[in-house]
């Protein structure tokens, strides 16, 4: 089996035709809390981002992939970011854009594929995620993929005038 292909989804690099999909996600205020976005992104900036997405992960310390159904329909994005090559760790973020595509296993399978990629191809020792304490769906996805809750960051994020706690999840690759 190929690393980035599963039973329900496959993960692929950003393409120029993803401009509208990414633009819609980045400018959806419902996602700003989890992405720490504070202002809309222009189509120009997103086009530039996509044009530079081919750069090496070790150079830009991040990788964004599109989550697609087996028929090729984009349903979300999954990111590796804050790559620390010396410590062999990176953060992971995941988003299934449309509510109708959630709870179908797309997120969980995408996360499993990306973790395998991080351990197998990037040689990472661990991956981690920061999850808002009220985001039960995300907590379930990370926990079902072997991530462990290792700490609570109190009053970590400020959104709409309220502080929220955030859980730190870790998955350590014990295969050396």
C-alpha atoms as a PDB file:
ATOM      1  CA  UNK A   1       0.000   0.000   0.000  1.00  0.00           C
ATOM      2  CA  UNK A   2       1.240   3.493  -0.763  1.00  0.00           C
ATOM      3  CA  UNK A   3       1.866   5.676   2.278  1.00  0.00           C
ATOM      4  CA  UNK A   4      -0.582   8.439   1.372  1.00  0.00           C
ATOM      5  CA  UNK A   5      -3.417   6.217   0.093  1.00  0.00           C
ATOM      6  CA  UNK A   6      -5.993   4.587   2.300  1.00  0.00           C
ATOM      7  CA  UNK A   7      -9.303   2.787   1.894  1.00  0.00           C
ATOM      8  CA  UNK A   8     -11.434   5.956   2.012  1.00  0.00           C
ATOM      9  CA  UNK A   9      -9.051   8.806   1.187  1.00  0.00           C
ATOM     10  CA  UNK A  10      -5.732   9.751  -0.305  1.00  0.00           C
ATOM     11  CA  UNK A  11      -3.528  12.718   0.516  1.00  0.00           C
ATOM     12  CA  UNK A  12      -1.997  14.805  -2.238  1.00  0.00           C
ATOM     13  CA  UNK A  13       0.018  17.966  -2.721  1.00  0.00           C
ATOM     14  CA  UNK A  14      -1.681  21.297  -3.297  1.00  0.00           C
ATOM     15  CA  UNK A  15      -2.468  22.058  -6.937  1.00  0.00           C
ATOM     16  CA  UNK A  16      -3.309  25.399  -8.610  1.00  0.00           C
ATOM     17  CA  UNK A  17      -6.932  24.252  -8.985  1.00  0.00           C
ATOM     18  CA  UNK A  18      -7.195  24.072  -5.165  1.00  0.00           C
ATOM     19  CA  UNK A  19      -7.243  27.883  -4.973  1.00  0.00           C
ATOM     20  CA  UNK A  20     -11.021  28.188  -4.479  1.00  0.00           C
ATOM     21  CA  UNK A  21     -11.138  25.311  -1.975  1.00  0.00           C
ATOM     22  CA  UNK A  22      -8.293  26.699   0.165  1.00  0.00           C
ATOM     23  CA  UNK A  23      -9.583  30.274  -0.147  1.00  0.00           C
ATOM     24  CA  UNK A  24     -13.010  29.187   1.123  1.00  0.00           C
ATOM     25  CA  UNK A  25     -11.513  27.337   4.105  1.00  0.00           C
ATOM     26  CA  UNK A  26      -9.044  30.057   5.079  1.00  0.00           C
ATOM     27  CA  UNK A  27     -11.750  32.718   4.963  1.00  0.00           C
ATOM     28  CA  UNK A  28     -14.442  30.770   6.793  1.00  0.00           C
ATOM     29  CA  UNK A  29     -14.681  32.501  10.175  1.00  0.00           C
ATOM     30  CA  UNK A  30     -15.969  29.258  11.711  1.00  0.00           C
ATOM     31  CA  UNK A  31     -12.421  27.869  11.361  1.00  0.00           C
ATOM     32  CA  UNK A  32     -10.530  30.931  12.573  1.00  0.00           C
ATOM     33  CA  UNK A  33     -10.513  29.775  16.163  1.00  0.00           C
ATOM     34  CA  UNK A  34      -8.655  26.553  15.376  1.00  0.00           C
ATOM     35  CA  UNK A  35      -6.330  28.109  12.821  1.00  0.00           C
ATOM     36  CA  UNK A  36      -5.576  31.246  14.878  1.00  0.00           C
ATOM     37  CA  UNK A  37      -6.519  33.334  11.852  1.00  0.00           C
ATOM     38  CA  UNK A  38      -7.483  36.910  12.626  1.00  0.00           C
ATOM     39  CA  UNK A  39      -8.184  38.380   9.188  1.00  0.00           C
ATOM     40  CA  UNK A  40      -9.247  37.172   5.739  1.00  0.00           C
ATOM     41  CA  UNK A  41      -6.654  36.009   3.210  1.00  0.00           C
ATOM     42  CA  UNK A  42      -6.713  37.357  -0.325  1.00  0.00           C
ATOM     43  CA  UNK A  43      -6.872  35.083  -3.339  1.00  0.00           C
ATOM     44  CA  UNK A  44      -3.511  36.580  -4.352  1.00  0.00           C
ATOM     45  CA  UNK A  45      -1.821  35.480  -1.104  1.00  0.00           C
ATOM     46  CA  UNK A  46      -3.329  31.999  -1.275  1.00  0.00           C
ATOM     47  CA  UNK A  47      -2.252  31.671  -4.924  1.00  0.00           C
ATOM     48  CA  UNK A  48       1.307  32.601  -3.880  1.00  0.00           C
ATOM     49  CA  UNK A  49       1.173  30.090  -1.043  1.00  0.00           C
ATOM     50  CA  UNK A  50       0.053  27.312  -3.408  1.00  0.00           C
ATOM     51  CA  UNK A  51       2.743  28.269  -5.932  1.00  0.00           C
ATOM     52  CA  UNK A  52       5.386  27.867  -3.213  1.00  0.00           C
ATOM     53  CA  UNK A  53       3.907  24.718  -1.663  1.00  0.00           C
ATOM     54  CA  UNK A  54       6.342  22.553  -3.646  1.00  0.00           C
ATOM     55  CA  UNK A  55       9.270  23.764  -1.530  1.00  0.00           C
ATOM     56  CA  UNK A  56      11.036  21.184   0.615  1.00  0.00           C
ATOM     57  CA  UNK A  57       9.549  20.521   4.044  1.00  0.00           C
ATOM     58  CA  UNK A  58      13.003  20.860   5.621  1.00  0.00           C
ATOM     59  CA  UNK A  59      13.336  24.310   4.070  1.00  0.00           C
ATOM     60  CA  UNK A  60       9.951  25.786   5.019  1.00  0.00           C
ATOM     61  CA  UNK A  61       9.260  23.545   8.068  1.00  0.00           C
ATOM     62  CA  UNK A  62       5.742  22.693   6.935  1.00  0.00           C
ATOM     63  CA  UNK A  63       3.764  20.570   4.509  1.00  0.00           C
ATOM     64  CA  UNK A  64       0.103  20.968   3.630  1.00  0.00           C
ATOM     65  CA  UNK A  65      -1.753  18.167   1.896  1.00  0.00           C
ATOM     66  CA  UNK A  66      -5.276  17.965   0.510  1.00  0.00           C
ATOM     67  CA  UNK A  67      -7.508  15.171   1.812  1.00  0.00           C
ATOM     68  CA  UNK A  68      -9.439  13.665  -1.115  1.00  0.00           C
ATOM     69  CA  UNK A  69     -12.071  10.960  -1.327  1.00  0.00           C
ATOM     70  CA  UNK A  70     -11.154   7.940  -3.450  1.00  0.00           C
ATOM     71  CA  UNK A  71     -12.984   9.675  -6.325  1.00  0.00           C
ATOM     72  CA  UNK A  72     -10.740  12.726  -5.987  1.00  0.00           C
ATOM     73  CA  UNK A  73     -13.118  15.165  -4.284  1.00  0.00           C
ATOM     74  CA  UNK A  74     -11.280  17.420  -1.807  1.00  0.00           C
ATOM     75  CA  UNK A  75     -12.819  17.249   1.662  1.00  0.00           C
ATOM     76  CA  UNK A  76     -10.161  18.787   3.873  1.00  0.00           C
ATOM     77  CA  UNK A  77      -6.602  19.736   4.624  1.00  0.00           C
ATOM     78  CA  UNK A  78      -3.959  18.141   6.799  1.00  0.00           C
ATOM     79  CA  UNK A  79      -0.737  19.862   7.791  1.00  0.00           C
ATOM     80  CA  UNK A  80       2.645  19.044   9.188  1.00  0.00           C
ATOM     81  CA  UNK A  81       4.097  22.222  10.670  1.00  0.00           C
ATOM     82  CA  UNK A  82       6.687  23.468  13.149  1.00  0.00           C
ATOM     83  CA  UNK A  83       9.030  20.740  11.919  1.00  0.00           C
ATOM     84  CA  UNK A  84      12.071  20.420  14.183  1.00  0.00           C
ATOM     85  CA  UNK A  85      14.564  18.214  12.301  1.00  0.00           C
ATOM     86  CA  UNK A  86      17.107  18.185  15.147  1.00  0.00           C
ATOM     87  CA  UNK A  87      14.542  16.903  17.650  1.00  0.00           C
ATOM     88  CA  UNK A  88      12.716  14.842  15.008  1.00  0.00           C
ATOM     89  CA  UNK A  89       9.263  16.166  15.841  1.00  0.00           C
ATOM     90  CA  UNK A  90       6.482  18.123  14.174  1.00  0.00           C
ATOM     91  CA  UNK A  91       2.955  19.323  14.833  1.00  0.00           C
ATOM     92  CA  UNK A  92      -0.072  18.065  12.942  1.00  0.00           C
ATOM     93  CA  UNK A  93      -3.306  19.891  12.162  1.00  0.00           C
ATOM     94  CA  UNK A  94      -6.345  18.512  10.382  1.00  0.00           C
ATOM     95  CA  UNK A  95      -9.595  19.956   9.086  1.00  0.00           C
ATOM     96  CA  UNK A  96     -12.540  18.314   7.342  1.00  0.00           C
ATOM     97  CA  UNK A  97     -14.203  21.343   5.791  1.00  0.00           C
ATOM     98  CA  UNK A  98     -17.858  20.418   5.368  1.00  0.00           C
ATOM     99  CA  UNK A  99     -19.898  19.037   8.278  1.00  0.00           C
ATOM    100  CA  UNK A 100     -21.537  16.502   5.947  1.00  0.00           C
ATOM    101  CA  UNK A 101     -18.099  14.928   5.346  1.00  0.00           C
ATOM    102  CA  UNK A 102     -17.340  14.524   9.057  1.00  0.00           C
ATOM    103  CA  UNK A 103     -17.811  11.328  11.046  1.00  0.00           C
ATOM    104  CA  UNK A 104     -17.173   9.218   7.937  1.00  0.00           C
ATOM    105  CA  UNK A 105     -13.636   8.174   8.845  1.00  0.00           C
ATOM    106  CA  UNK A 106     -11.941  10.625   6.475  1.00  0.00           C
ATOM    107  CA  UNK A 107     -10.169  12.502   9.272  1.00  0.00           C
ATOM    108  CA  UNK A 108      -9.061   9.438  11.194  1.00  0.00           C
ATOM    109  CA  UNK A 109      -7.708   7.670   8.132  1.00  0.00           C
ATOM    110  CA  UNK A 110      -5.952  10.848   6.945  1.00  0.00           C
ATOM    111  CA  UNK A 111      -4.300  11.241  10.328  1.00  0.00           C
ATOM    112  CA  UNK A 112      -3.114   7.613  10.296  1.00  0.00           C
ATOM    113  CA  UNK A 113      -1.694   8.045   6.782  1.00  0.00           C
ATOM    114  CA  UNK A 114       0.102  11.262   7.693  1.00  0.00           C
ATOM    115  CA  UNK A 115       1.579   9.807  10.895  1.00  0.00           C
ATOM    116  CA  UNK A 116       2.888   6.830   8.928  1.00  0.00           C
ATOM    117  CA  UNK A 117       4.398   9.240   6.394  1.00  0.00           C
ATOM    118  CA  UNK A 118       6.031  11.296   9.172  1.00  0.00           C
ATOM    119  CA  UNK A 119       7.584   8.243  10.809  1.00  0.00           C
ATOM    120  CA  UNK A 120       8.495   6.331   7.650  1.00  0.00           C
ATOM    121  CA  UNK A 121       9.576   9.036   5.201  1.00  0.00           C
ATOM    122  CA  UNK A 122      10.543  11.965   7.401  1.00  0.00           C
ATOM    123  CA  UNK A 123      12.114   9.802  10.098  1.00  0.00           C
ATOM    124  CA  UNK A 124      10.372  11.672  12.901  1.00  0.00           C
ATOM    125  CA  UNK A 125      10.430  10.392  16.461  1.00  0.00           C
ATOM    126  CA  UNK A 126       7.168  12.059  17.435  1.00  0.00           C
ATOM    127  CA  UNK A 127       4.238  14.111  16.226  1.00  0.00           C
ATOM    128  CA  UNK A 128       1.974  16.243  18.357  1.00  0.00           C
ATOM    129  CA  UNK A 129      -1.245  18.213  18.155  1.00  0.00           C
ATOM    130  CA  UNK A 130      -2.826  21.082  20.047  1.00  0.00           C
ATOM    131  CA  UNK A 131      -6.569  20.584  20.476  1.00  0.00           C
ATOM    132  CA  UNK A 132      -9.056  22.995  22.043  1.00  0.00           C
ATOM    133  CA  UNK A 133     -10.526  21.431  25.172  1.00  0.00           C
ATOM    134  CA  UNK A 134     -14.053  21.774  23.753  1.00  0.00           C
ATOM    135  CA  UNK A 135     -13.227  20.094  20.411  1.00  0.00           C
ATOM    136  CA  UNK A 136     -14.453  16.597  21.236  1.00  0.00           C
ATOM    137  CA  UNK A 137     -14.416  15.377  17.622  1.00  0.00           C
ATOM    138  CA  UNK A 138     -10.717  16.194  17.246  1.00  0.00           C
ATOM    139  CA  UNK A 139      -9.876  14.674  20.612  1.00  0.00           C
ATOM    140  CA  UNK A 140     -11.604  11.453  19.535  1.00  0.00           C
ATOM    141  CA  UNK A 141      -9.724  11.335  16.216  1.00  0.00           C
ATOM    142  CA  UNK A 142      -6.323  11.841  17.831  1.00  0.00           C
ATOM    143  CA  UNK A 143      -7.026   9.379  20.655  1.00  0.00           C
ATOM    144  CA  UNK A 144      -8.295   6.729  18.224  1.00  0.00           C
ATOM    145  CA  UNK A 145      -4.983   7.042  16.370  1.00  0.00           C
ATOM    146  CA  UNK A 146      -2.882   6.373  19.464  1.00  0.00           C
ATOM    147  CA  UNK A 147      -2.166   9.953  20.529  1.00  0.00           C
ATOM    148  CA  UNK A 148      -1.980  10.503  24.280  1.00  0.00           C
ATOM    149  CA  UNK A 149      -3.145  13.543  26.188  1.00  0.00           C
ATOM    150  CA  UNK A 150       0.017  14.741  27.913  1.00  0.00           C
ATOM    151  CA  UNK A 151      -0.844  18.176  29.203  1.00  0.00           C
ATOM    152  CA  UNK A 152      -3.408  20.905  29.568  1.00  0.00           C
ATOM    153  CA  UNK A 153      -2.513  24.472  28.651  1.00  0.00           C
ATOM    154  CA  UNK A 154      -4.797  26.666  30.751  1.00  0.00           C
ATOM    155  CA  UNK A 155      -6.297  29.831  29.198  1.00  0.00           C
ATOM    156  CA  UNK A 156      -4.130  29.156  26.145  1.00  0.00           C
ATOM    157  CA  UNK A 157      -6.124  30.756  23.343  1.00  0.00           C
ATOM    158  CA  UNK A 158      -8.150  33.935  23.315  1.00  0.00           C
ATOM    159  CA  UNK A 159     -11.073  33.966  20.918  1.00  0.00           C
ATOM    160  CA  UNK A 160     -14.025  36.353  20.920  1.00  0.00           C
ATOM    161  CA  UNK A 161     -12.913  37.748  24.258  1.00  0.00           C
ATOM    162  CA  UNK A 162     -12.791  34.380  26.056  1.00  0.00           C
ATOM    163  CA  UNK A 163      -9.811  32.272  27.020  1.00  0.00           C
ATOM    164  CA  UNK A 164      -9.941  28.566  26.264  1.00  0.00           C
ATOM    165  CA  UNK A 165      -7.872  25.648  27.470  1.00  0.00           C
ATOM    166  CA  UNK A 166      -5.976  23.520  24.986  1.00  0.00           C
ATOM    167  CA  UNK A 167      -4.829  19.904  25.258  1.00  0.00           C
ATOM    168  CA  UNK A 168      -1.427  18.786  24.057  1.00  0.00           C
ATOM    169  CA  UNK A 169      -1.481  15.366  22.382  1.00  0.00           C
ATOM    170  CA  UNK A 170       1.616  13.323  21.504  1.00  0.00           C
ATOM    171  CA  UNK A 171       2.312  10.234  19.458  1.00  0.00           C
ATOM    172  CA  UNK A 172       5.799   8.841  19.916  1.00  0.00           C
ATOM    173  CA  UNK A 173       7.228   6.380  17.408  1.00  0.00           C
ATOM    174  CA  UNK A 174       8.891   3.746  19.539  1.00  0.00           C
ATOM    175  CA  UNK A 175      10.294   1.900  16.530  1.00  0.00           C
ATOM    176  CA  UNK A 176      13.895   3.025  16.022  1.00  0.00           C
END
